[in-house]
C-alpha atoms as a PDB file:
ATOM      1  CA  UNK A   1       7.691  -2.532  10.638  1.00  0.00           C
ATOM      2  CA  UNK A   2       5.644  -5.385   9.293  1.00  0.00           C
ATOM      3  CA  UNK A   3       6.741  -8.819   7.618  1.00  0.00           C
ATOM      4  CA  UNK A   4       4.786 -11.567   5.775  1.00  0.00           C
ATOM      5  CA  UNK A   5       6.433 -14.635   5.100  1.00  0.00           C
ATOM      6  CA  UNK A   6       4.852 -15.487   1.573  1.00  0.00           C
ATOM      7  CA  UNK A   7       5.262 -19.339   1.914  1.00  0.00           C
ATOM      8  CA  UNK A   8       2.841 -19.427   4.668  1.00  0.00           C
ATOM      9  CA  UNK A   9       0.057 -17.002   3.120  1.00  0.00           C
ATOM     10  CA  UNK A  10      -2.660 -18.585   2.204  1.00  0.00           C
ATOM     11  CA  UNK A  11      -5.905 -16.300   3.092  1.00  0.00           C
ATOM     12  CA  UNK A  12      -8.998 -16.656   1.341  1.00  0.00           C
ATOM     13  CA  UNK A  13     -10.058 -13.491  -0.849  1.00  0.00           C
ATOM     14  CA  UNK A  14     -11.614 -10.849   1.257  1.00  0.00           C
ATOM     15  CA  UNK A  15     -15.240 -10.283   0.428  1.00  0.00           C
ATOM     16  CA  UNK A  16     -15.270  -8.356  -2.692  1.00  0.00           C
ATOM     17  CA  UNK A  17     -16.305  -4.308  -1.728  1.00  0.00           C
ATOM     18  CA  UNK A  18     -19.131  -3.311  -3.927  1.00  0.00           C
ATOM     19  CA  UNK A  19     -18.171  -1.437  -6.970  1.00  0.00           C
ATOM     20  CA  UNK A  20     -14.688  -1.948  -6.473  1.00  0.00           C
ATOM     21  CA  UNK A  21     -12.069  -2.676  -8.606  1.00  0.00           C
ATOM     22  CA  UNK A  22      -8.122  -4.057  -8.162  1.00  0.00           C
ATOM     23  CA  UNK A  23      -5.810  -3.180 -10.566  1.00  0.00           C
ATOM     24  CA  UNK A  24      -2.528  -1.801 -11.660  1.00  0.00           C
ATOM     25  CA  UNK A  25      -1.880   2.217 -12.612  1.00  0.00           C
ATOM     26  CA  UNK A  26      -1.112   3.524 -15.799  1.00  0.00           C
ATOM     27  CA  UNK A  27       1.409   6.008 -16.129  1.00  0.00           C
ATOM     28  CA  UNK A  28      -0.905   8.606 -16.567  1.00  0.00           C
ATOM     29  CA  UNK A  29      -2.637   8.030 -13.305  1.00  0.00           C
ATOM     30  CA  UNK A  30       0.081   8.107 -10.992  1.00  0.00           C
ATOM     31  CA  UNK A  31      -0.749  12.232 -10.083  1.00  0.00           C
ATOM     32  CA  UNK A  32      -3.638  10.958  -9.090  1.00  0.00           C
ATOM     33  CA  UNK A  33      -2.521   7.973  -7.211  1.00  0.00           C
ATOM     34  CA  UNK A  34       0.031  10.718  -5.369  1.00  0.00           C
ATOM     35  CA  UNK A  35      -3.132  12.527  -4.588  1.00  0.00           C
ATOM     36  CA  UNK A  36      -4.882   9.542  -2.875  1.00  0.00           C
ATOM     37  CA  UNK A  37      -1.569   8.981  -0.937  1.00  0.00           C
ATOM     38  CA  UNK A  38      -1.150  12.677   0.621  1.00  0.00           C
ATOM     39  CA  UNK A  39      -4.842  13.108   1.185  1.00  0.00           C
ATOM     40  CA  UNK A  40      -4.891   9.703   2.699  1.00  0.00           C
ATOM     41  CA  UNK A  41      -1.896   9.940   5.096  1.00  0.00           C
ATOM     42  CA  UNK A  42      -3.023  13.838   5.841  1.00  0.00           C
ATOM     43  CA  UNK A  43      -6.369  12.707   7.084  1.00  0.00           C
ATOM     44  CA  UNK A  44      -4.968   9.981   9.173  1.00  0.00           C
ATOM     45  CA  UNK A  45      -6.534  10.215  13.027  1.00  0.00           C
ATOM     46  CA  UNK A  46      -4.244  11.854  15.143  1.00  0.00           C
ATOM     47  CA  UNK A  47      -2.228  13.404  12.470  1.00  0.00           C
ATOM     48  CA  UNK A  48       0.811  11.107  13.049  1.00  0.00           C
ATOM     49  CA  UNK A  49       2.294  11.688   9.460  1.00  0.00           C
ATOM     50  CA  UNK A  50       1.678  15.633   9.771  1.00  0.00           C
ATOM     51  CA  UNK A  51       5.810  16.439  10.332  1.00  0.00           C
ATOM     52  CA  UNK A  52       6.583  13.844   7.275  1.00  0.00           C
ATOM     53  CA  UNK A  53       3.868  15.493   4.958  1.00  0.00           C
ATOM     54  CA  UNK A  54       5.695  18.854   5.419  1.00  0.00           C
ATOM     55  CA  UNK A  55       8.516  17.494   2.761  1.00  0.00           C
ATOM     56  CA  UNK A  56       5.801  16.555   0.455  1.00  0.00           C
ATOM     57  CA  UNK A  57       3.185  17.872  -2.124  1.00  0.00           C
ATOM     58  CA  UNK A  58       1.101  15.872  -4.626  1.00  0.00           C
ATOM     59  CA  UNK A  59       2.971  16.734  -7.444  1.00  0.00           C
ATOM     60  CA  UNK A  60       6.277  15.610  -5.441  1.00  0.00           C
ATOM     61  CA  UNK A  61       4.846  12.423  -4.159  1.00  0.00           C
ATOM     62  CA  UNK A  62       4.202  11.894  -8.258  1.00  0.00           C
ATOM     63  CA  UNK A  63       7.405  12.669  -9.225  1.00  0.00           C
ATOM     64  CA  UNK A  64       8.677  10.035  -6.252  1.00  0.00           C
ATOM     65  CA  UNK A  65       6.358   7.625  -7.801  1.00  0.00           C
ATOM     66  CA  UNK A  66       7.731   7.547 -11.281  1.00  0.00           C
ATOM     67  CA  UNK A  67      11.095   7.535 -10.421  1.00  0.00           C
ATOM     68  CA  UNK A  68      10.546   4.454  -8.413  1.00  0.00           C
ATOM     69  CA  UNK A  69       8.590   3.063 -11.298  1.00  0.00           C
ATOM     70  CA  UNK A  70      11.680   3.751 -13.532  1.00  0.00           C
ATOM     71  CA  UNK A  71      14.592   2.880 -11.331  1.00  0.00           C
ATOM     72  CA  UNK A  72      13.655   0.205  -9.380  1.00  0.00           C
ATOM     73  CA  UNK A  73      10.533  -0.956 -11.473  1.00  0.00           C
ATOM     74  CA  UNK A  74       8.038  -0.142  -8.612  1.00  0.00           C
ATOM     75  CA  UNK A  75       4.386  -0.564  -9.510  1.00  0.00           C
ATOM     76  CA  UNK A  76       1.055   1.159  -8.256  1.00  0.00           C
ATOM     77  CA  UNK A  77      -1.698  -1.176  -7.339  1.00  0.00           C
ATOM     78  CA  UNK A  78      -4.956   0.879  -7.130  1.00  0.00           C
ATOM     79  CA  UNK A  79      -8.520   0.480  -5.977  1.00  0.00           C
ATOM     80  CA  UNK A  80     -10.662   1.704  -7.814  1.00  0.00           C
ATOM     81  CA  UNK A  81     -14.945   2.554  -7.205  1.00  0.00           C
ATOM     82  CA  UNK A  82     -17.229   4.442  -9.933  1.00  0.00           C
ATOM     83  CA  UNK A  83     -13.710   5.410 -12.377  1.00  0.00           C
ATOM     84  CA  UNK A  84     -12.206   6.988  -9.100  1.00  0.00           C
ATOM     85  CA  UNK A  85      -9.026   6.446  -7.648  1.00  0.00           C
ATOM     86  CA  UNK A  86      -9.729   5.342  -3.868  1.00  0.00           C
ATOM     87  CA  UNK A  87      -6.890   3.638  -2.398  1.00  0.00           C
ATOM     88  CA  UNK A  88      -3.050   2.887  -3.383  1.00  0.00           C
ATOM     89  CA  UNK A  89       0.063   0.484  -2.432  1.00  0.00           C
ATOM     90  CA  UNK A  90       2.972   0.928  -4.734  1.00  0.00           C
ATOM     91  CA  UNK A  91       4.904  -2.372  -4.549  1.00  0.00           C
ATOM     92  CA  UNK A  92       9.069  -2.827  -5.435  1.00  0.00           C
ATOM     93  CA  UNK A  93       9.868  -6.449  -6.215  1.00  0.00           C
ATOM     94  CA  UNK A  94      13.428  -7.359  -5.169  1.00  0.00           C
ATOM     95  CA  UNK A  95      13.785 -10.764  -7.012  1.00  0.00           C
ATOM     96  CA  UNK A  96      17.644 -10.641  -5.775  1.00  0.00           C
ATOM     97  CA  UNK A  97      16.551 -10.550  -2.089  1.00  0.00           C
ATOM     98  CA  UNK A  98      13.167 -12.315  -2.541  1.00  0.00           C
ATOM     99  CA  UNK A  99      11.463  -9.379  -0.961  1.00  0.00           C
ATOM    100  CA  UNK A 100       8.316  -7.207  -1.693  1.00  0.00           C
ATOM    101  CA  UNK A 101       7.892  -3.937  -0.339  1.00  0.00           C
ATOM    102  CA  UNK A 102       5.092  -1.191   0.451  1.00  0.00           C
ATOM    103  CA  UNK A 103       6.587   1.406  -0.485  1.00  0.00           C
ATOM    104  CA  UNK A 104       3.708   3.485   0.428  1.00  0.00           C
ATOM    105  CA  UNK A 105       1.975   1.450   2.561  1.00  0.00           C
ATOM    106  CA  UNK A 106      -1.831   0.744   2.069  1.00  0.00           C
ATOM    107  CA  UNK A 107      -3.513   3.914   1.743  1.00  0.00           C
ATOM    108  CA  UNK A 108      -7.107   4.540   1.086  1.00  0.00           C
ATOM    109  CA  UNK A 109      -9.374   7.733   0.733  1.00  0.00           C
ATOM    110  CA  UNK A 110     -10.679   9.014   3.858  1.00  0.00           C
ATOM    111  CA  UNK A 111     -13.948   9.027   2.983  1.00  0.00           C
ATOM    112  CA  UNK A 112     -13.710   5.177   1.865  1.00  0.00           C
ATOM    113  CA  UNK A 113     -12.076   3.764   4.858  1.00  0.00           C
ATOM    114  CA  UNK A 114     -13.679   1.069   6.494  1.00  0.00           C
ATOM    115  CA  UNK A 115     -15.294  -0.836   3.604  1.00  0.00           C
ATOM    116  CA  UNK A 116     -12.662  -3.217   3.216  1.00  0.00           C
ATOM    117  CA  UNK A 117     -10.699  -1.626   0.313  1.00  0.00           C
ATOM    118  CA  UNK A 118      -7.474  -1.968   2.455  1.00  0.00           C
ATOM    119  CA  UNK A 119      -7.936  -5.582   2.878  1.00  0.00           C
ATOM    120  CA  UNK A 120      -8.593  -6.049  -0.760  1.00  0.00           C
ATOM    121  CA  UNK A 121      -5.404  -4.078  -1.573  1.00  0.00           C
ATOM    122  CA  UNK A 122      -3.207  -5.832   0.815  1.00  0.00           C
ATOM    123  CA  UNK A 123      -4.462  -9.133  -0.048  1.00  0.00           C
ATOM    124  CA  UNK A 124      -4.370  -8.621  -3.826  1.00  0.00           C
ATOM    125  CA  UNK A 125      -0.277  -7.137  -3.053  1.00  0.00           C
ATOM    126  CA  UNK A 126       0.641 -10.334  -0.986  1.00  0.00           C
ATOM    127  CA  UNK A 127      -0.937 -12.819  -3.447  1.00  0.00           C
ATOM    128  CA  UNK A 128       0.740 -11.334  -6.622  1.00  0.00           C
ATOM    129  CA  UNK A 129       4.364 -10.939  -4.531  1.00  0.00           C
ATOM    130  CA  UNK A 130       3.424 -14.596  -3.906  1.00  0.00           C
ATOM    131  CA  UNK A 131       2.830 -15.512  -7.570  1.00  0.00           C
ATOM    132  CA  UNK A 132       5.850 -13.640  -8.299  1.00  0.00           C
ATOM    133  CA  UNK A 133       8.286 -15.721  -6.326  1.00  0.00           C
ATOM    134  CA  UNK A 134       9.214 -13.575  -3.648  1.00  0.00           C
ATOM    135  CA  UNK A 135       9.624 -15.299  -0.343  1.00  0.00           C
ATOM    136  CA  UNK A 136       8.539 -12.143   2.014  1.00  0.00           C
ATOM    137  CA  UNK A 137       6.858  -8.919   1.936  1.00  0.00           C
ATOM    138  CA  UNK A 138       7.457  -5.535   3.729  1.00  0.00           C
ATOM    139  CA  UNK A 139       6.072  -2.437   5.065  1.00  0.00           C
ATOM    140  CA  UNK A 140       7.685   0.364   7.330  1.00  0.00           C
ATOM    141  CA  UNK A 141       4.796   2.134   9.094  1.00  0.00           C
ATOM    142  CA  UNK A 142       4.133   4.066  12.201  1.00  0.00           C
ATOM    143  CA  UNK A 143       3.101   1.961  14.788  1.00  0.00           C
ATOM    144  CA  UNK A 144      -0.760   2.821  16.419  1.00  0.00           C
ATOM    145  CA  UNK A 145      -2.139   3.943  12.868  1.00  0.00           C
ATOM    146  CA  UNK A 146      -5.233   1.886  11.843  1.00  0.00           C
ATOM    147  CA  UNK A 147      -3.293  -0.378   9.239  1.00  0.00           C
ATOM    148  CA  UNK A 148      -0.602  -1.092  11.942  1.00  0.00           C
ATOM    149  CA  UNK A 149      -3.470  -1.946  14.591  1.00  0.00           C
ATOM    150  CA  UNK A 150      -5.969  -3.588  12.496  1.00  0.00           C
ATOM    151  CA  UNK A 151      -4.880  -4.315   8.790  1.00  0.00           C
ATOM    152  CA  UNK A 152      -1.436  -5.581   8.421  1.00  0.00           C
ATOM    153  CA  UNK A 153      -1.794  -8.521  11.198  1.00  0.00           C
ATOM    154  CA  UNK A 154      -5.177  -9.242   9.535  1.00  0.00           C
ATOM    155  CA  UNK A 155      -3.200 -11.469   6.939  1.00  0.00           C
ATOM    156  CA  UNK A 156      -0.364 -12.333   8.904  1.00  0.00           C
ATOM    157  CA  UNK A 157       2.009  -9.438   8.863  1.00  0.00           C
ATOM    158  CA  UNK A 158       4.509 -10.053  11.877  1.00  0.00           C
ATOM    159  CA  UNK A 159       5.073  -6.342  13.862  1.00  0.00           C
ATOM    160  CA  UNK A 160       8.611  -6.136  14.191  1.00  0.00           C
ATOM    161  CA  UNK A 161      10.357  -3.293  15.730  1.00  0.00           C
ATOM    162  CA  UNK A 162      13.009  -1.348  14.143  1.00  0.00           C
ATOM    163  CA  UNK A 163      15.547   0.758  15.641  1.00  0.00           C
ATOM    164  CA  UNK A 164      14.891   4.491  14.662  1.00  0.00           C
END
């Protein structure tokens, strides 16, 4: 797990990646976002999500995303290039606890990785949560994946070991 203290979040905007726009998804885009999520996890180096993905399809992920939106007020942040979704982060703002949770984690399409898209999504997520008055943000993840190794700590994420 990674946790951010949003009171300490004061990082400059990352360099804008050419042609990439960060925005929230409409309900009609959730299916495409789910496909990016599924493909991104499936194509992660060394296949750490292989067993997890046996329980999912892109359409079951889309139902999960929509259900999270309806029940929990979740929002899906998108990275879009040339009108195509190339990255996502599902966000739940828990006002009572003061926490923002990334329920999908930052996921970028395999052919768009290492271009700053994950940094744009992470920065915008943390900035929006801070502006929304939340005190912290969290994401559960697998140790050793690229986001855990390179991205989350880049903007002050503190790695916290959670018992399995």
